[in-house]
Amino acid sequence: MFLAPNAEEATDFIERVMEKNELGPGGKRILVEETLEGQELSFIILTDGKSYAPLVPTRDHKRAFDGNTGPNTGGMGAYSTDDLLPEELRKIVISKIVEPTLRGLAADGVPYQGFLYIGLMLTKSGPQVLEFNCRLGDPETQAIAARIDFDLAEVLKDVADGKLDASELRWKSGASVCVVLASGGYPGKFESGKRIDGLTGLEQNSGVKILHAGTKREGNAVVTSGGRVVGVTASGSSLNGAVSTAYKACTKIRFDGMHYRKDIGAHGARLKAVGD
């Protein structure tokens, strides 16, 4: 995906992929869409085909660098706090997007069971759908899991049995954040096999969860083996607290070329401060 800030850069991109063949066969066809402006929101639900239950709201950070600059990635971090979704906005998302989608699936004879990811852009004219995915999001899942206060296995069994009870999904108050530590060069070309130091003891000392993504063992060492290497996940009574805990842990981890965004959750924290 390429977000063109103007017509000239859009034309340049089309020439590079369709005439200069920079993306190979993947550039033979392109889809031109309207650029939606606003804040993104990941709204994920669980459904057993009849009933549904929303998960806590999350916001992903797709761009590679601070300030939402640089190329798009698979996700450089995410955070969750109930402040992301005021009650009035929640009602609009459910009535205008979630329930019509589920009715449409039922009308088409698709008894969908599982997670349904709805990627939204909160525009001035209201929430607009960017994408649907039949899965949880990454790194949104890390932030969501940090706030779970129920037996996920039991709930998933109920989904499979067609007996989902939304009241069973209970959530910890406060906030959570996941910061992705990436290989140098990601999302472009990057080198693997870099030794990772500082992982030992972090969870016991700080309560953060170090969730491995692009890693592997080589002897007694853990080395990088992908673009997004680990997700550093923390929770707290406030977004500022969760962010502070996560970033303190990030400074303890080291590998050659490591980079990560320093502003995950910063926008939400600023909005909360203004509201306070």
C-alpha atoms as a PDB file:
ATOM      1  CA  MET A   1       0.000   0.000   0.000  1.00  0.00           C
ATOM      2  CA  PHE A   2       1.238   3.487  -0.880  1.00  0.00           C
ATOM      3  CA  LEU A   3      -0.370   6.647   0.500  1.00  0.00           C
ATOM      4  CA  ALA A   4       0.299   9.397  -2.010  1.00  0.00           C
ATOM      5  CA  PRO A   5       0.344  12.926  -0.547  1.00  0.00           C
ATOM      6  CA  ASN A   6      -0.231  14.460  -3.997  1.00  0.00           C
ATOM      7  CA  ALA A   7      -0.901  13.599  -7.656  1.00  0.00           C
ATOM      8  CA  GLU A   8       2.784  13.842  -8.629  1.00  0.00           C
ATOM      9  CA  GLU A   9       3.880  11.193  -6.141  1.00  0.00           C
ATOM     10  CA  ALA A  10       0.959   8.980  -7.132  1.00  0.00           C
ATOM     11  CA  THR A  11       2.045   9.194 -10.768  1.00  0.00           C
ATOM     12  CA  ASP A  12       5.645   8.453  -9.824  1.00  0.00           C
ATOM     13  CA  PHE A  13       4.598   5.372  -7.859  1.00  0.00           C
ATOM     14  CA  ILE A  14       2.481   4.068 -10.745  1.00  0.00           C
ATOM     15  CA  GLU A  15       5.371   4.523 -13.164  1.00  0.00           C
ATOM     16  CA  ARG A  16       7.789   2.721 -10.850  1.00  0.00           C
ATOM     17  CA  VAL A  17       5.615  -0.345 -10.306  1.00  0.00           C
ATOM     18  CA  MET A  18       3.932  -0.621 -13.721  1.00  0.00           C
ATOM     19  CA  GLU A  19       6.647   0.607 -16.101  1.00  0.00           C
ATOM     20  CA  LYS A  20       9.900   0.058 -14.183  1.00  0.00           C
ATOM     21  CA  ASN A  21       8.579  -3.190 -12.697  1.00  0.00           C
ATOM     22  CA  GLU A  22       9.912  -2.502  -9.186  1.00  0.00           C
ATOM     23  CA  LEU A  23       7.391  -4.893  -7.613  1.00  0.00           C
ATOM     24  CA  GLY A  24       7.601  -7.536 -10.318  1.00  0.00           C
ATOM     25  CA  PRO A  25       4.296  -9.306 -11.119  1.00  0.00           C
ATOM     26  CA  GLY A  26       2.710  -7.646  -8.063  1.00  0.00           C
ATOM     27  CA  GLY A  27       2.790  -4.304  -9.854  1.00  0.00           C
ATOM     28  CA  LYS A  28       0.946  -5.362 -12.993  1.00  0.00           C
ATOM     29  CA  ARG A  29      -2.372  -4.311 -11.503  1.00  0.00           C
ATOM     30  CA  ILE A  30      -3.119  -1.497  -9.089  1.00  0.00           C
ATOM     31  CA  LEU A  31      -6.188  -0.382  -7.166  1.00  0.00           C
ATOM     32  CA  VAL A  32      -6.728   3.353  -6.675  1.00  0.00           C
ATOM     33  CA  GLU A  33      -8.713   4.327  -3.592  1.00  0.00           C
ATOM     34  CA  GLU A  34      -9.632   7.517  -1.789  1.00  0.00           C
ATOM     35  CA  THR A  35      -7.255   8.469   1.020  1.00  0.00           C
ATOM     36  CA  LEU A  36      -9.224   8.729   4.247  1.00  0.00           C
ATOM     37  CA  GLU A  37      -7.945  11.185   6.826  1.00  0.00           C
ATOM     38  CA  GLY A  38      -8.351  10.751  10.565  1.00  0.00           C
ATOM     39  CA  GLN A  39      -7.352   8.453  13.396  1.00  0.00           C
ATOM     40  CA  GLU A  40      -7.379   4.694  12.862  1.00  0.00           C
ATOM     41  CA  LEU A  41      -9.193   2.360  15.219  1.00  0.00           C
ATOM     42  CA  SER A  42      -9.162  -1.425  15.347  1.00  0.00           C
ATOM     43  CA  PHE A  43     -12.580  -2.733  16.353  1.00  0.00           C
ATOM     44  CA  ILE A  44     -12.494  -6.513  16.780  1.00  0.00           C
ATOM     45  CA  ILE A  45     -15.393  -8.755  17.717  1.00  0.00           C
ATOM     46  CA  LEU A  46     -15.959 -12.402  18.558  1.00  0.00           C
ATOM     47  CA  THR A  47     -19.013 -14.048  17.045  1.00  0.00           C
ATOM     48  CA  ASP A  48     -20.497 -17.531  17.145  1.00  0.00           C
ATOM     49  CA  GLY A  49     -22.578 -16.875  14.038  1.00  0.00           C
ATOM     50  CA  LYS A  50     -25.546 -15.552  16.017  1.00  0.00           C
ATOM     51  CA  SER A  51     -24.309 -13.534  18.984  1.00  0.00           C
ATOM     52  CA  TYR A  52     -21.270 -11.284  19.129  1.00  0.00           C
ATOM     53  CA  ALA A  53     -19.035  -9.614  21.710  1.00  0.00           C
ATOM     54  CA  PRO A  54     -16.719  -6.652  21.047  1.00  0.00           C
ATOM     55  CA  LEU A  55     -13.176  -6.786  22.361  1.00  0.00           C
ATOM     56  CA  VAL A  56     -11.579  -3.720  23.924  1.00  0.00           C
ATOM     57  CA  PRO A  57     -10.681  -1.051  21.326  1.00  0.00           C
ATOM     58  CA  THR A  58      -7.107  -0.675  20.108  1.00  0.00           C
ATOM     59  CA  ARG A  59      -5.109   1.653  17.887  1.00  0.00           C
ATOM     60  CA  ASP A  60      -2.283   0.368  15.686  1.00  0.00           C
ATOM     61  CA  HIS A  61       0.688   2.429  14.480  1.00  0.00           C
ATOM     62  CA  LYS A  62       1.405   1.353  10.896  1.00  0.00           C
ATOM     63  CA  ARG A  63       4.075   3.810   9.782  1.00  0.00           C
ATOM     64  CA  ALA A  64       7.702   2.899  10.459  1.00  0.00           C
ATOM     65  CA  PHE A  65       8.845   6.089  12.171  1.00  0.00           C
ATOM     66  CA  ASP A  66       7.740   8.583  14.791  1.00  0.00           C
ATOM     67  CA  GLY A  67       5.039  11.054  13.884  1.00  0.00           C
ATOM     68  CA  ASN A  68       3.402   8.545  11.514  1.00  0.00           C
ATOM     69  CA  THR A  69       6.120   9.024   8.915  1.00  0.00           C
ATOM     70  CA  GLY A  70       7.925   6.548   6.696  1.00  0.00           C
ATOM     71  CA  PRO A  71       6.601   3.491   4.889  1.00  0.00           C
ATOM     72  CA  ASN A  72       3.725   1.326   6.072  1.00  0.00           C
ATOM     73  CA  THR A  73       4.608  -1.767   8.071  1.00  0.00           C
ATOM     74  CA  GLY A  74       2.798  -4.718   9.573  1.00  0.00           C
ATOM     75  CA  GLY A  75       2.481  -2.615  12.722  1.00  0.00           C
ATOM     76  CA  MET A  76       5.059  -0.913  14.944  1.00  0.00           C
ATOM     77  CA  GLY A  77       2.967  -0.919  18.097  1.00  0.00           C
ATOM     78  CA  ALA A  78      -0.525  -0.594  19.502  1.00  0.00           C
ATOM     79  CA  TYR A  79      -2.311   0.526  22.613  1.00  0.00           C
ATOM     80  CA  SER A  80      -5.684  -0.061  24.235  1.00  0.00           C
ATOM     81  CA  THR A  81      -7.717   2.156  26.521  1.00  0.00           C
ATOM     82  CA  ASP A  82     -11.449   2.588  26.837  1.00  0.00           C
ATOM     83  CA  ASP A  83     -11.012   6.289  26.052  1.00  0.00           C
ATOM     84  CA  LEU A  84     -10.403   5.289  22.425  1.00  0.00           C
ATOM     85  CA  LEU A  85     -14.087   4.568  21.963  1.00  0.00           C
ATOM     86  CA  PRO A  86     -16.585   6.961  23.583  1.00  0.00           C
ATOM     87  CA  GLU A  87     -20.018   5.435  24.097  1.00  0.00           C
ATOM     88  CA  GLU A  88     -21.670   7.464  21.342  1.00  0.00           C
ATOM     89  CA  LEU A  89     -19.041   6.372  18.804  1.00  0.00           C
ATOM     90  CA  ARG A  90     -19.367   2.763  19.965  1.00  0.00           C
ATOM     91  CA  LYS A  91     -23.119   2.877  19.267  1.00  0.00           C
ATOM     92  CA  ILE A  92     -22.500   4.219  15.754  1.00  0.00           C
ATOM     93  CA  VAL A  93     -19.882   1.543  14.954  1.00  0.00           C
ATOM     94  CA  ILE A  94     -22.154  -1.235  16.198  1.00  0.00           C
ATOM     95  CA  SER A  95     -25.362  -0.011  14.546  1.00  0.00           C
ATOM     96  CA  LYS A  96     -23.880   1.179  11.243  1.00  0.00           C
ATOM     97  CA  ILE A  97     -21.076  -1.332  10.688  1.00  0.00           C
ATOM     98  CA  VAL A  98     -20.983  -4.376  12.994  1.00  0.00           C
ATOM     99  CA  GLU A  99     -24.614  -5.458  12.998  1.00  0.00           C
ATOM    100  CA  PRO A 100     -25.241  -4.820   9.262  1.00  0.00           C
ATOM    101  CA  THR A 101     -22.104  -6.855   8.493  1.00  0.00           C
ATOM    102  CA  LEU A 102     -23.291  -9.795  10.582  1.00  0.00           C
ATOM    103  CA  ARG A 103     -26.772  -9.588   9.060  1.00  0.00           C
ATOM    104  CA  GLY A 104     -25.211  -9.587   5.613  1.00  0.00           C
ATOM    105  CA  LEU A 105     -23.129 -12.664   6.400  1.00  0.00           C
ATOM    106  CA  ALA A 106     -26.220 -14.482   7.664  1.00  0.00           C
ATOM    107  CA  ALA A 107     -28.230 -13.477   4.589  1.00  0.00           C
ATOM    108  CA  ASP A 108     -25.467 -14.817   2.342  1.00  0.00           C
ATOM    109  CA  GLY A 109     -25.452 -18.122   4.202  1.00  0.00           C
ATOM    110  CA  VAL A 110     -22.084 -17.556   5.840  1.00  0.00           C
ATOM    111  CA  PRO A 111     -22.397 -18.674   9.486  1.00  0.00           C
ATOM    112  CA  TYR A 112     -19.097 -17.077  10.463  1.00  0.00           C
ATOM    113  CA  GLN A 113     -17.592 -18.069  13.801  1.00  0.00           C
ATOM    114  CA  GLY A 114     -14.445 -16.507  15.233  1.00  0.00           C
ATOM    115  CA  PHE A 115     -12.717 -13.147  15.333  1.00  0.00           C
ATOM    116  CA  LEU A 116     -13.770 -10.439  12.901  1.00  0.00           C
ATOM    117  CA  TYR A 117     -11.328  -7.554  12.628  1.00  0.00           C
ATOM    118  CA  ILE A 118     -12.796  -4.257  11.454  1.00  0.00           C
ATOM    119  CA  GLY A 119     -10.195  -1.622  10.618  1.00  0.00           C
ATOM    120  CA  LEU A 120     -11.741   1.836  10.861  1.00  0.00           C
ATOM    121  CA  MET A 121     -10.742   5.382  10.001  1.00  0.00           C
ATOM    122  CA  LEU A 122     -12.418   7.935  12.238  1.00  0.00           C
ATOM    123  CA  THR A 123     -13.034  10.724   9.733  1.00  0.00           C
ATOM    124  CA  LYS A 124     -14.804  14.037  10.169  1.00  0.00           C
ATOM    125  CA  SER A 125     -17.874  12.498   8.545  1.00  0.00           C
ATOM    126  CA  GLY A 126     -17.847   9.469  10.842  1.00  0.00           C
ATOM    127  CA  PRO A 127     -16.194   6.035  10.997  1.00  0.00           C
ATOM    128  CA  GLN A 128     -15.271   4.528   7.621  1.00  0.00           C
ATOM    129  CA  VAL A 129     -14.238   0.902   7.032  1.00  0.00           C
ATOM    130  CA  LEU A 130     -10.676   0.415   5.813  1.00  0.00           C
ATOM    131  CA  GLU A 131     -10.618  -3.388   5.878  1.00  0.00           C
ATOM    132  CA  PHE A 132     -12.074  -6.585   7.268  1.00  0.00           C
ATOM    133  CA  ASN A 133      -9.904  -9.485   8.413  1.00  0.00           C
ATOM    134  CA  CYS A 134     -10.983 -12.903   9.625  1.00  0.00           C
ATOM    135  CA  ARG A 135      -8.444 -12.896  12.451  1.00  0.00           C
ATOM    136  CA  LEU A 136      -7.075 -10.912  15.335  1.00  0.00           C
ATOM    137  CA  GLY A 137      -4.737  -8.056  14.504  1.00  0.00           C
ATOM    138  CA  ASP A 138      -0.987  -7.850  15.146  1.00  0.00           C
ATOM    139  CA  PRO A 139       0.181  -6.030  17.285  1.00  0.00           C
ATOM    140  CA  GLU A 140      -3.322  -5.193  18.524  1.00  0.00           C
ATOM    141  CA  THR A 141      -3.677  -8.698  19.961  1.00  0.00           C
ATOM    142  CA  GLN A 142      -0.795  -8.132  22.360  1.00  0.00           C
ATOM    143  CA  ALA A 143      -2.494  -5.045  23.798  1.00  0.00           C
ATOM    144  CA  ILE A 144      -5.868  -6.812  23.956  1.00  0.00           C
ATOM    145  CA  ALA A 145      -4.469  -9.908  25.674  1.00  0.00           C
ATOM    146  CA  ALA A 146      -2.901  -7.743  28.378  1.00  0.00           C
ATOM    147  CA  ARG A 147      -6.393  -6.605  29.416  1.00  0.00           C
ATOM    148  CA  ILE A 148      -8.169  -9.988  29.362  1.00  0.00           C
ATOM    149  CA  ASP A 149      -9.820 -10.887  32.676  1.00  0.00           C
ATOM    150  CA  PHE A 150     -11.595 -14.076  31.634  1.00  0.00           C
ATOM    151  CA  ASP A 151     -10.790 -17.612  30.539  1.00  0.00           C
ATOM    152  CA  LEU A 152     -10.110 -17.211  26.814  1.00  0.00           C
ATOM    153  CA  ALA A 153     -10.129 -20.966  26.168  1.00  0.00           C
ATOM    154  CA  GLU A 154     -13.611 -21.315  27.682  1.00  0.00           C
ATOM    155  CA  VAL A 155     -14.948 -18.391  25.640  1.00  0.00           C
ATOM    156  CA  LEU A 156     -13.483 -19.784  22.407  1.00  0.00           C
ATOM    157  CA  LYS A 157     -15.096 -23.144  23.177  1.00  0.00           C
ATOM    158  CA  ASP A 158     -18.431 -21.366  23.601  1.00  0.00           C
ATOM    159  CA  VAL A 159     -17.900 -19.676  20.222  1.00  0.00           C
ATOM    160  CA  ALA A 160     -17.248 -23.046  18.575  1.00  0.00           C
ATOM    161  CA  ASP A 161     -20.353 -24.500  20.254  1.00  0.00           C
ATOM    162  CA  GLY A 162     -22.535 -21.549  19.205  1.00  0.00           C
ATOM    163  CA  LYS A 163     -23.095 -20.526  22.830  1.00  0.00           C
ATOM    164  CA  LEU A 164     -21.238 -17.221  23.121  1.00  0.00           C
ATOM    165  CA  ASP A 165     -22.277 -15.143  26.138  1.00  0.00           C
ATOM    166  CA  ALA A 166     -20.972 -11.591  25.775  1.00  0.00           C
ATOM    167  CA  SER A 167     -21.224 -11.027  29.528  1.00  0.00           C
ATOM    168  CA  GLU A 168     -18.434 -13.565  30.062  1.00  0.00           C
ATOM    169  CA  LEU A 169     -15.898 -11.215  28.443  1.00  0.00           C
ATOM    170  CA  ARG A 170     -14.587  -9.143  31.334  1.00  0.00           C
ATOM    171  CA  TRP A 171     -11.740  -6.679  30.951  1.00  0.00           C
ATOM    172  CA  LYS A 172      -9.144  -5.123  33.213  1.00  0.00           C
ATOM    173  CA  SER A 173      -9.532  -1.392  33.614  1.00  0.00           C
ATOM    174  CA  GLY A 174      -6.743   0.992  32.692  1.00  0.00           C
ATOM    175  CA  ALA A 175      -4.633   0.631  29.583  1.00  0.00           C
ATOM    176  CA  SER A 176      -2.075  -1.494  27.790  1.00  0.00           C
ATOM    177  CA  VAL A 177       0.582  -0.892  25.161  1.00  0.00           C
ATOM    178  CA  CYS A 178       2.762  -2.986  22.856  1.00  0.00           C
ATOM    179  CA  VAL A 179       5.969  -1.592  21.344  1.00  0.00           C
ATOM    180  CA  VAL A 180       7.510  -3.532  18.450  1.00  0.00           C
ATOM    181  CA  LEU A 181      11.296  -3.775  18.263  1.00  0.00           C
ATOM    182  CA  ALA A 182      12.253  -4.177  14.612  1.00  0.00           C
ATOM    183  CA  SER A 183      15.327  -5.147  12.628  1.00  0.00           C
ATOM    184  CA  GLY A 184      17.394  -2.421  11.003  1.00  0.00           C
ATOM    185  CA  GLY A 185      16.018  -1.667   7.541  1.00  0.00           C
ATOM    186  CA  TYR A 186      12.525  -2.994   8.238  1.00  0.00           C
ATOM    187  CA  PRO A 187      10.073  -2.808   6.442  1.00  0.00           C
ATOM    188  CA  GLY A 188      12.615  -2.925   3.609  1.00  0.00           C
ATOM    189  CA  LYS A 189      15.568  -5.276   3.366  1.00  0.00           C
ATOM    190  CA  PHE A 190      17.065  -6.317   6.689  1.00  0.00           C
ATOM    191  CA  GLU A 191      19.656  -8.719   8.034  1.00  0.00           C
ATOM    192  CA  SER A 192      18.843 -11.612  10.376  1.00  0.00           C
ATOM    193  CA  GLY A 193      20.931 -13.560  12.855  1.00  0.00           C
ATOM    194  CA  LYS A 194      21.644 -10.626  15.202  1.00  0.00           C
ATOM    195  CA  ARG A 195      22.127 -11.688  18.833  1.00  0.00           C
ATOM    196  CA  ILE A 196      19.485 -10.287  21.193  1.00  0.00           C
ATOM    197  CA  ASP A 197      20.631  -9.299  24.687  1.00  0.00           C
ATOM    198  CA  GLY A 198      18.630  -8.125  27.699  1.00  0.00           C
ATOM    199  CA  LEU A 199      15.639 -10.466  27.501  1.00  0.00           C
ATOM    200  CA  THR A 200      16.384 -12.408  30.669  1.00  0.00           C
ATOM    201  CA  GLY A 201      14.539 -11.355  33.809  1.00  0.00           C
ATOM    202  CA  LEU A 202      12.531  -8.511  32.297  1.00  0.00           C
ATOM    203  CA  GLU A 203       9.125  -9.980  33.096  1.00  0.00           C
ATOM    204  CA  GLN A 204      10.079 -10.806  36.700  1.00  0.00           C
ATOM    205  CA  ASN A 205      11.527  -7.338  37.298  1.00  0.00           C
ATOM    206  CA  SER A 206       8.976  -5.146  35.535  1.00  0.00           C
ATOM    207  CA  GLY A 207       5.889  -7.237  34.757  1.00  0.00           C
ATOM    208  CA  VAL A 208       6.202  -6.661  31.016  1.00  0.00           C
ATOM    209  CA  LYS A 209       5.588  -9.454  28.549  1.00  0.00           C
ATOM    210  CA  ILE A 210       8.224 -10.042  25.872  1.00  0.00           C
ATOM    211  CA  LEU A 211       6.344 -11.675  23.000  1.00  0.00           C
ATOM    212  CA  HIS A 212       8.574 -13.191  20.337  1.00  0.00           C
ATOM    213  CA  ALA A 213       7.785 -12.736  16.654  1.00  0.00           C
ATOM    214  CA  GLY A 214      10.938 -12.812  14.506  1.00  0.00           C
ATOM    215  CA  THR A 215      13.364 -14.714  16.721  1.00  0.00           C
ATOM    216  CA  LYS A 216      15.033 -18.121  16.888  1.00  0.00           C
ATOM    217  CA  ARG A 217      17.521 -19.963  19.056  1.00  0.00           C
ATOM    218  CA  GLU A 218      21.110 -20.502  18.024  1.00  0.00           C
ATOM    219  CA  GLY A 219      22.778 -22.545  20.729  1.00  0.00           C
ATOM    220  CA  ASN A 220      22.242 -20.678  23.996  1.00  0.00           C
ATOM    221  CA  ALA A 221      21.510 -17.383  22.263  1.00  0.00           C
ATOM    222  CA  VAL A 222      18.328 -15.855  20.872  1.00  0.00           C
ATOM    223  CA  VAL A 223      18.840 -14.136  17.527  1.00  0.00           C
ATOM    224  CA  THR A 224      16.703 -12.149  15.116  1.00  0.00           C
ATOM    225  CA  SER A 225      14.965 -13.986  12.283  1.00  0.00           C
ATOM    226  CA  GLY A 226      12.447 -11.477  10.946  1.00  0.00           C
ATOM    227  CA  GLY A 227      11.539  -7.852  10.449  1.00  0.00           C
ATOM    228  CA  ARG A 228       9.421  -7.408  13.553  1.00  0.00           C
ATOM    229  CA  VAL A 229      11.451  -9.110  16.240  1.00  0.00           C
ATOM    230  CA  VAL A 230       9.678  -8.840  19.614  1.00  0.00           C
ATOM    231  CA  GLY A 231       6.678  -7.042  21.070  1.00  0.00           C
ATOM    232  CA  VAL A 232       7.252  -5.413  24.451  1.00  0.00           C
ATOM    233  CA  THR A 233       3.858  -5.336  26.169  1.00  0.00           C
ATOM    234  CA  ALA A 234       2.863  -3.657  29.425  1.00  0.00           C
ATOM    235  CA  SER A 235      -0.338  -2.681  31.210  1.00  0.00           C
ATOM    236  CA  GLY A 236      -1.150  -0.156  33.896  1.00  0.00           C
ATOM    237  CA  SER A 237      -3.851   1.865  35.586  1.00  0.00           C
ATOM    238  CA  SER A 238      -3.282   4.655  33.051  1.00  0.00           C
ATOM    239  CA  LEU A 239      -2.005   4.908  29.501  1.00  0.00           C
ATOM    240  CA  ASN A 240       0.941   7.014  30.624  1.00  0.00           C
ATOM    241  CA  GLY A 241       1.906   4.362  33.150  1.00  0.00           C
ATOM    242  CA  ALA A 242       1.684   1.514  30.654  1.00  0.00           C
ATOM    243  CA  VAL A 243       3.706   3.463  28.081  1.00  0.00           C
ATOM    244  CA  SER A 244       6.398   4.336  30.635  1.00  0.00           C
ATOM    245  CA  THR A 245       6.746   0.712  31.768  1.00  0.00           C
ATOM    246  CA  ALA A 246       6.988  -0.605  28.217  1.00  0.00           C
ATOM    247  CA  TYR A 247       9.604   1.914  27.120  1.00  0.00           C
ATOM    248  CA  LYS A 248      11.752   1.334  30.203  1.00  0.00           C
ATOM    249  CA  ALA A 249      11.836  -2.331  29.225  1.00  0.00           C
ATOM    250  CA  CYS A 250      12.704  -1.447  25.617  1.00  0.00           C
ATOM    251  CA  THR A 251      15.885   0.281  26.785  1.00  0.00           C
ATOM    252  CA  LYS A 252      17.062  -2.989  28.372  1.00  0.00           C
ATOM    253  CA  ILE A 253      16.931  -4.942  25.107  1.00  0.00           C
ATOM    254  CA  ARG A 254      19.673  -4.668  22.509  1.00  0.00           C
ATOM    255  CA  PHE A 255      20.538  -6.099  19.106  1.00  0.00           C
ATOM    256  CA  ASP A 256      22.457  -4.711  16.162  1.00  0.00           C
ATOM    257  CA  GLY A 257      20.290  -2.404  14.049  1.00  0.00           C
ATOM    258  CA  MET A 258      17.334  -2.430  16.437  1.00  0.00           C
ATOM    259  CA  HIS A 259      14.833   0.366  15.925  1.00  0.00           C
ATOM    260  CA  TYR A 260      11.416   1.175  17.306  1.00  0.00           C
ATOM    261  CA  ARG A 261       8.968   4.031  17.445  1.00  0.00           C
ATOM    262  CA  LYS A 262       9.223   6.268  20.498  1.00  0.00           C
ATOM    263  CA  ASP A 263       5.660   7.592  20.266  1.00  0.00           C
ATOM    264  CA  ILE A 264       3.386   4.554  20.617  1.00  0.00           C
ATOM    265  CA  GLY A 265       0.337   5.726  22.562  1.00  0.00           C
ATOM    266  CA  ALA A 266       1.595   9.301  22.714  1.00  0.00           C
ATOM    267  CA  HIS A 267      -1.405  10.763  20.894  1.00  0.00           C
ATOM    268  CA  GLY A 268      -3.831   9.033  23.225  1.00  0.00           C
ATOM    269  CA  ALA A 269      -1.869  10.160  26.268  1.00  0.00           C
ATOM    270  CA  ARG A 270      -1.954  13.777  25.059  1.00  0.00           C
ATOM    271  CA  LEU A 271      -5.698  13.655  24.482  1.00  0.00           C
ATOM    272  CA  LYS A 272      -6.247  12.231  27.966  1.00  0.00           C
ATOM    273  CA  ALA A 273      -4.093  14.961  29.481  1.00  0.00           C
ATOM    274  CA  VAL A 274      -6.123  17.635  27.696  1.00  0.00           C
ATOM    275  CA  GLY A 275      -9.326  16.010  28.944  1.00  0.00           C
ATOM    276  CA  ASP A 276      -7.984  15.971  32.491  1.00  0.00           C
END
